[in-house]
Amino acid sequence: MGSMKPSFEKRHAAIEKKFRNAKRASKIKERYGVFTQKMFEQLLEELRVRIKEDLKTELHKLDGKLDWLITSYNKFNQEQILQSNKVTNLEERIENLEKSSRIVVQ
């Protein structure tokens, strides 16, 4: 009779588990309703559209920031070129002065 008890307890535990799962499924169904395939597809489409719009907005912001960055970089690059030309011109003038005066400036 002792060997029948564990088997009974196992069956009872399995039935309890099935009952809890059915009860949970019933609560989910009451709370959220039943989704049809069409409802699910509509939700996915709405999510896709929302993600696309959010992404478009973020990309637009990023484009603005990149435009500013590229413009700033180009201005900086132009300034560097002008400064480089000025330094080259000054070096040439110093060399000419050194040659003409025979004084070396360091």
N, C-alpha and C. Protein backbone atom coordinates (compact mmCIF):
# COMPACT_ATOMS: atom_id res chain seq x y z
N MET A 1 0.83 -1.19 0.00
CA MET A 1 0.00 0.00 0.00
C MET A 1 0.87 1.25 0.00
N GLY A 2 2.07 1.16 0.57
CA GLY A 2 2.99 2.28 0.60
C GLY A 2 3.44 2.67 -0.79
N SER A 3 3.53 1.73 -1.72
CA SER A 3 3.98 2.03 -3.08
C SER A 3 2.89 2.73 -3.87
N MET A 4 1.62 2.58 -3.50
CA MET A 4 0.53 3.24 -4.21
C MET A 4 0.46 4.72 -3.83
N LYS A 5 0.89 5.05 -2.63
CA LYS A 5 0.80 6.43 -2.15
C LYS A 5 1.61 7.40 -3.01
N PRO A 6 2.89 7.12 -3.32
CA PRO A 6 3.64 8.05 -4.15
C PRO A 6 3.02 8.21 -5.53
N SER A 7 2.49 7.14 -6.09
CA SER A 7 1.87 7.22 -7.40
C SER A 7 0.64 8.13 -7.34
N PHE A 8 -0.16 7.96 -6.28
CA PHE A 8 -1.34 8.81 -6.09
C PHE A 8 -0.92 10.28 -5.94
N GLU A 9 0.14 10.54 -5.16
CA GLU A 9 0.61 11.91 -4.94
C GLU A 9 1.11 12.52 -6.25
N LYS A 10 1.79 11.72 -7.06
CA LYS A 10 2.28 12.21 -8.34
C LYS A 10 1.11 12.58 -9.25
N ARG A 11 0.10 11.70 -9.30
CA ARG A 11 -1.07 12.00 -10.14
C ARG A 11 -1.80 13.23 -9.62
N HIS A 12 -1.92 13.32 -8.31
CA HIS A 12 -2.60 14.46 -7.69
C HIS A 12 -1.83 15.76 -8.00
N ALA A 13 -0.49 15.72 -7.88
CA ALA A 13 0.33 16.90 -8.17
C ALA A 13 0.20 17.30 -9.65
N ALA A 14 0.14 16.29 -10.54
CA ALA A 14 -0.01 16.58 -11.97
C ALA A 14 -1.36 17.23 -12.24
N ILE A 15 -2.40 16.74 -11.58
CA ILE A 15 -3.74 17.31 -11.76
C ILE A 15 -3.77 18.73 -11.22
N GLU A 16 -3.14 18.96 -10.06
CA GLU A 16 -3.07 20.31 -9.47
C GLU A 16 -2.35 21.26 -10.42
N LYS A 17 -1.27 20.79 -11.01
CA LYS A 17 -0.51 21.63 -11.94
C LYS A 17 -1.35 21.99 -13.15
N LYS A 18 -2.06 21.03 -13.72
CA LYS A 18 -2.94 21.28 -14.86
C LYS A 18 -4.02 22.28 -14.48
N PHE A 19 -4.57 22.12 -13.29
CA PHE A 19 -5.61 23.03 -12.82
C PHE A 19 -5.07 24.46 -12.69
N ARG A 20 -3.87 24.61 -12.08
CA ARG A 20 -3.26 25.94 -11.95
C ARG A 20 -3.00 26.56 -13.33
N ASN A 21 -2.49 25.76 -14.26
CA ASN A 21 -2.24 26.27 -15.62
C ASN A 21 -3.53 26.71 -16.30
N ALA A 22 -4.59 25.91 -16.15
CA ALA A 22 -5.88 26.27 -16.75
C ALA A 22 -6.43 27.54 -16.11
N LYS A 23 -6.29 27.65 -14.79
CA LYS A 23 -6.76 28.83 -14.07
C LYS A 23 -5.99 30.08 -14.53
N ARG A 24 -4.65 29.94 -14.69
CA ARG A 24 -3.83 31.05 -15.15
C ARG A 24 -4.22 31.44 -16.59
N ALA A 25 -4.43 30.46 -17.44
CA ALA A 25 -4.83 30.75 -18.82
C ALA A 25 -6.18 31.45 -18.84
N SER A 26 -7.07 31.04 -17.95
CA SER A 26 -8.39 31.67 -17.86
C SER A 26 -8.25 33.13 -17.42
N LYS A 27 -7.38 33.40 -16.45
CA LYS A 27 -7.17 34.77 -15.99
C LYS A 27 -6.56 35.63 -17.09
N ILE A 28 -5.62 35.06 -17.82
CA ILE A 28 -5.00 35.79 -18.93
C ILE A 28 -6.06 36.11 -19.98
N LYS A 29 -6.89 35.13 -20.29
CA LYS A 29 -7.95 35.34 -21.28
C LYS A 29 -8.92 36.42 -20.81
N GLU A 30 -9.29 36.40 -19.52
CA GLU A 30 -10.20 37.42 -18.98
C GLU A 30 -9.56 38.80 -19.03
N ARG A 31 -8.29 38.85 -18.70
CA ARG A 31 -7.60 40.14 -18.61
C ARG A 31 -7.30 40.73 -19.98
N TYR A 32 -6.83 39.90 -20.88
CA TYR A 32 -6.36 40.42 -22.17
C TYR A 32 -7.28 40.08 -23.34
N GLY A 33 -8.20 39.20 -23.16
CA GLY A 33 -9.06 38.80 -24.26
C GLY A 33 -8.35 37.80 -25.15
N VAL A 34 -9.06 37.38 -26.15
CA VAL A 34 -8.49 36.41 -27.08
C VAL A 34 -8.00 37.16 -28.31
N PHE A 35 -6.77 36.92 -28.69
CA PHE A 35 -6.21 37.56 -29.87
C PHE A 35 -6.43 36.66 -31.08
N THR A 36 -6.96 37.26 -32.11
CA THR A 36 -7.07 36.52 -33.37
C THR A 36 -5.81 36.80 -34.17
N GLN A 37 -5.61 36.05 -35.21
CA GLN A 37 -4.44 36.25 -36.07
C GLN A 37 -4.47 37.65 -36.66
N LYS A 38 -5.66 38.11 -37.06
CA LYS A 38 -5.77 39.44 -37.67
C LYS A 38 -5.43 40.54 -36.66
N MET A 39 -5.91 40.39 -35.41
CA MET A 39 -5.60 41.38 -34.38
C MET A 39 -4.10 41.42 -34.13
N PHE A 40 -3.47 40.27 -34.10
CA PHE A 40 -2.05 40.19 -33.86
C PHE A 40 -1.28 40.86 -35.01
N GLU A 41 -1.71 40.60 -36.24
CA GLU A 41 -1.07 41.21 -37.41
C GLU A 41 -1.24 42.73 -37.39
N GLN A 42 -2.42 43.21 -36.96
CA GLN A 42 -2.64 44.66 -36.86
C GLN A 42 -1.72 45.28 -35.81
N LEU A 43 -1.58 44.60 -34.68
CA LEU A 43 -0.67 45.10 -33.65
C LEU A 43 0.77 45.17 -34.16
N LEU A 44 1.18 44.13 -34.86
CA LEU A 44 2.54 44.13 -35.42
C LEU A 44 2.72 45.26 -36.43
N GLU A 45 1.70 45.51 -37.26
CA GLU A 45 1.79 46.59 -38.25
C GLU A 45 1.87 47.95 -37.56
N GLU A 46 1.06 48.15 -36.52
CA GLU A 46 1.11 49.41 -35.77
C GLU A 46 2.49 49.59 -35.13
N LEU A 47 3.03 48.53 -34.60
CA LEU A 47 4.36 48.59 -34.00
C LEU A 47 5.41 48.92 -35.05
N ARG A 48 5.31 48.31 -36.22
CA ARG A 48 6.26 48.57 -37.31
C ARG A 48 6.21 50.03 -37.73
N VAL A 49 4.98 50.57 -37.87
CA VAL A 49 4.81 51.97 -38.27
C VAL A 49 5.39 52.90 -37.21
N ARG A 50 5.11 52.61 -35.95
CA ARG A 50 5.62 53.45 -34.84
C ARG A 50 7.15 53.43 -34.80
N ILE A 51 7.73 52.24 -34.95
CA ILE A 51 9.20 52.12 -34.95
C ILE A 51 9.78 52.89 -36.12
N LYS A 52 9.14 52.78 -37.30
CA LYS A 52 9.63 53.47 -38.49
C LYS A 52 9.60 54.99 -38.28
N GLU A 53 8.51 55.50 -37.70
CA GLU A 53 8.39 56.94 -37.45
C GLU A 53 9.42 57.41 -36.42
N ASP A 54 9.59 56.65 -35.35
CA ASP A 54 10.58 57.00 -34.34
C ASP A 54 11.98 57.00 -34.92
N LEU A 55 12.27 55.99 -35.74
CA LEU A 55 13.58 55.90 -36.37
C LEU A 55 13.81 57.06 -37.33
N LYS A 56 12.77 57.41 -38.07
CA LYS A 56 12.87 58.53 -39.01
C LYS A 56 13.17 59.83 -38.26
N THR A 57 12.50 60.05 -37.14
CA THR A 57 12.73 61.24 -36.32
C THR A 57 14.16 61.27 -35.80
N GLU A 58 14.62 60.14 -35.28
CA GLU A 58 15.98 60.08 -34.75
C GLU A 58 17.02 60.28 -35.85
N LEU A 59 16.77 59.70 -37.02
CA LEU A 59 17.71 59.87 -38.13
C LEU A 59 17.74 61.32 -38.61
N HIS A 60 16.60 61.99 -38.56
CA HIS A 60 16.54 63.39 -38.95
C HIS A 60 17.40 64.24 -37.99
N LYS A 61 17.28 63.95 -36.68
CA LYS A 61 18.10 64.65 -35.69
C LYS A 61 19.58 64.38 -35.94
N LEU A 62 19.90 63.12 -36.22
CA LEU A 62 21.29 62.74 -36.48
C LEU A 62 21.82 63.43 -37.72
N ASP A 63 20.99 63.54 -38.77
CA ASP A 63 21.41 64.25 -39.99
C ASP A 63 21.78 65.70 -39.68
N GLY A 64 20.98 66.35 -38.85
CA GLY A 64 21.25 67.74 -38.47
C GLY A 64 22.58 67.86 -37.74
N LYS A 65 22.83 66.93 -36.84
CA LYS A 65 24.09 66.95 -36.09
C LYS A 65 25.29 66.67 -37.00
N LEU A 66 25.12 65.75 -37.93
CA LEU A 66 26.20 65.44 -38.86
C LEU A 66 26.48 66.63 -39.79
N ASP A 67 25.42 67.30 -40.24
CA ASP A 67 25.61 68.49 -41.07
C ASP A 67 26.42 69.54 -40.33
N TRP A 68 26.08 69.78 -39.06
CA TRP A 68 26.81 70.75 -38.26
C TRP A 68 28.28 70.32 -38.11
N LEU A 69 28.50 69.03 -37.83
CA LEU A 69 29.84 68.53 -37.63
C LEU A 69 30.68 68.66 -38.90
N ILE A 70 30.11 68.32 -40.04
CA ILE A 70 30.84 68.42 -41.31
C ILE A 70 31.16 69.88 -41.63
N THR A 71 30.20 70.77 -41.41
CA THR A 71 30.43 72.19 -41.65
C THR A 71 31.55 72.71 -40.74
N SER A 72 31.50 72.33 -39.48
CA SER A 72 32.54 72.75 -38.53
C SER A 72 33.90 72.20 -38.93
N TYR A 73 33.93 70.95 -39.36
CA TYR A 73 35.19 70.35 -39.78
C TYR A 73 35.75 71.09 -41.00
N ASN A 74 34.90 71.39 -41.96
CA ASN A 74 35.36 72.11 -43.16
C ASN A 74 35.91 73.49 -42.81
N LYS A 75 35.24 74.19 -41.89
CA LYS A 75 35.74 75.50 -41.46
C LYS A 75 37.10 75.35 -40.78
N PHE A 76 37.22 74.36 -39.92
CA PHE A 76 38.48 74.11 -39.23
C PHE A 76 39.58 73.79 -40.23
N ASN A 77 39.26 72.95 -41.21
CA ASN A 77 40.23 72.56 -42.23
C ASN A 77 40.68 73.78 -43.03
N GLN A 78 39.76 74.65 -43.38
CA GLN A 78 40.11 75.87 -44.12
C GLN A 78 41.01 76.77 -43.27
N GLU A 79 40.71 76.89 -41.99
CA GLU A 79 41.55 77.69 -41.10
C GLU A 79 42.96 77.10 -41.01
N GLN A 80 43.03 75.76 -40.94
CA GLN A 80 44.34 75.12 -40.88
C GLN A 80 45.15 75.40 -42.15
N ILE A 81 44.49 75.37 -43.29
CA ILE A 81 45.17 75.65 -44.56
C ILE A 81 45.69 77.09 -44.56
N LEU A 82 44.84 78.03 -44.14
CA LEU A 82 45.26 79.44 -44.09
C LEU A 82 46.44 79.63 -43.14
N GLN A 83 46.36 79.00 -41.97
CA GLN A 83 47.45 79.12 -40.99
C GLN A 83 48.74 78.51 -41.55
N SER A 84 48.62 77.39 -42.22
CA SER A 84 49.78 76.74 -42.81
C SER A 84 50.43 77.63 -43.86
N ASN A 85 49.60 78.28 -44.68
CA ASN A 85 50.12 79.21 -45.70
C ASN A 85 50.83 80.40 -45.04
N LYS A 86 50.25 80.90 -43.95
CA LYS A 86 50.87 82.02 -43.25
C LYS A 86 52.23 81.62 -42.70
N VAL A 87 52.31 80.44 -42.10
CA VAL A 87 53.57 79.96 -41.54
C VAL A 87 54.60 79.80 -42.66
N THR A 88 54.18 79.22 -43.78
CA THR A 88 55.10 79.04 -44.91
C THR A 88 55.61 80.40 -45.40
N ASN A 89 54.71 81.36 -45.52
CA ASN A 89 55.11 82.71 -45.96
C ASN A 89 56.09 83.34 -44.97
N LEU A 90 55.82 83.17 -43.67
CA LEU A 90 56.73 83.73 -42.66
C LEU A 90 58.09 83.06 -42.71
N GLU A 91 58.10 81.76 -42.89
CA GLU A 91 59.38 81.05 -42.99
C GLU A 91 60.19 81.54 -44.19
N GLU A 92 59.50 81.74 -45.31
CA GLU A 92 60.19 82.25 -46.50
C GLU A 92 60.75 83.65 -46.27
N ARG A 93 59.97 84.48 -45.60
CA ARG A 93 60.45 85.84 -45.31
C ARG A 93 61.66 85.82 -44.38
N ILE A 94 61.61 84.93 -43.37
CA ILE A 94 62.74 84.82 -42.45
C ILE A 94 63.98 84.35 -43.20
N GLU A 95 63.83 83.35 -44.07
CA GLU A 95 64.97 82.87 -44.86
C GLU A 95 65.56 84.00 -45.72
N ASN A 96 64.67 84.77 -46.34
CA ASN A 96 65.14 85.90 -47.17
C ASN A 96 65.88 86.93 -46.33
N LEU A 97 65.35 87.22 -45.14
CA LEU A 97 66.01 88.17 -44.25
C LEU A 97 67.37 87.64 -43.79
N GLU A 98 67.41 86.34 -43.48
CA GLU A 98 68.68 85.73 -43.06
C GLU A 98 69.72 85.82 -44.17
N LYS A 99 69.29 85.54 -45.39
CA LYS A 99 70.21 85.61 -46.53
C LYS A 99 70.72 87.03 -46.76
N SER A 100 69.79 87.97 -46.69
CA SER A 100 70.19 89.33 -46.98
C SER A 100 71.03 89.95 -45.85
N SER A 101 70.76 89.57 -44.62
CA SER A 101 71.49 90.17 -43.50
C SER A 101 72.62 89.26 -42.99
N ARG A 102 72.61 88.06 -43.45
CA ARG A 102 73.59 87.05 -43.01
C ARG A 102 73.53 86.79 -41.51
N ILE A 103 72.32 86.94 -40.95
CA ILE A 103 72.08 86.65 -39.53
C ILE A 103 71.11 85.46 -39.47
N VAL A 104 71.41 84.48 -38.64
CA VAL A 104 70.55 83.30 -38.53
C VAL A 104 69.62 83.50 -37.33
N VAL A 105 68.33 83.44 -37.59
CA VAL A 105 67.31 83.57 -36.54
C VAL A 105 66.87 82.16 -36.16
N GLN A 106 66.91 81.91 -34.84
CA GLN A 106 66.49 80.57 -34.40
C GLN A 106 65.27 80.62 -33.54
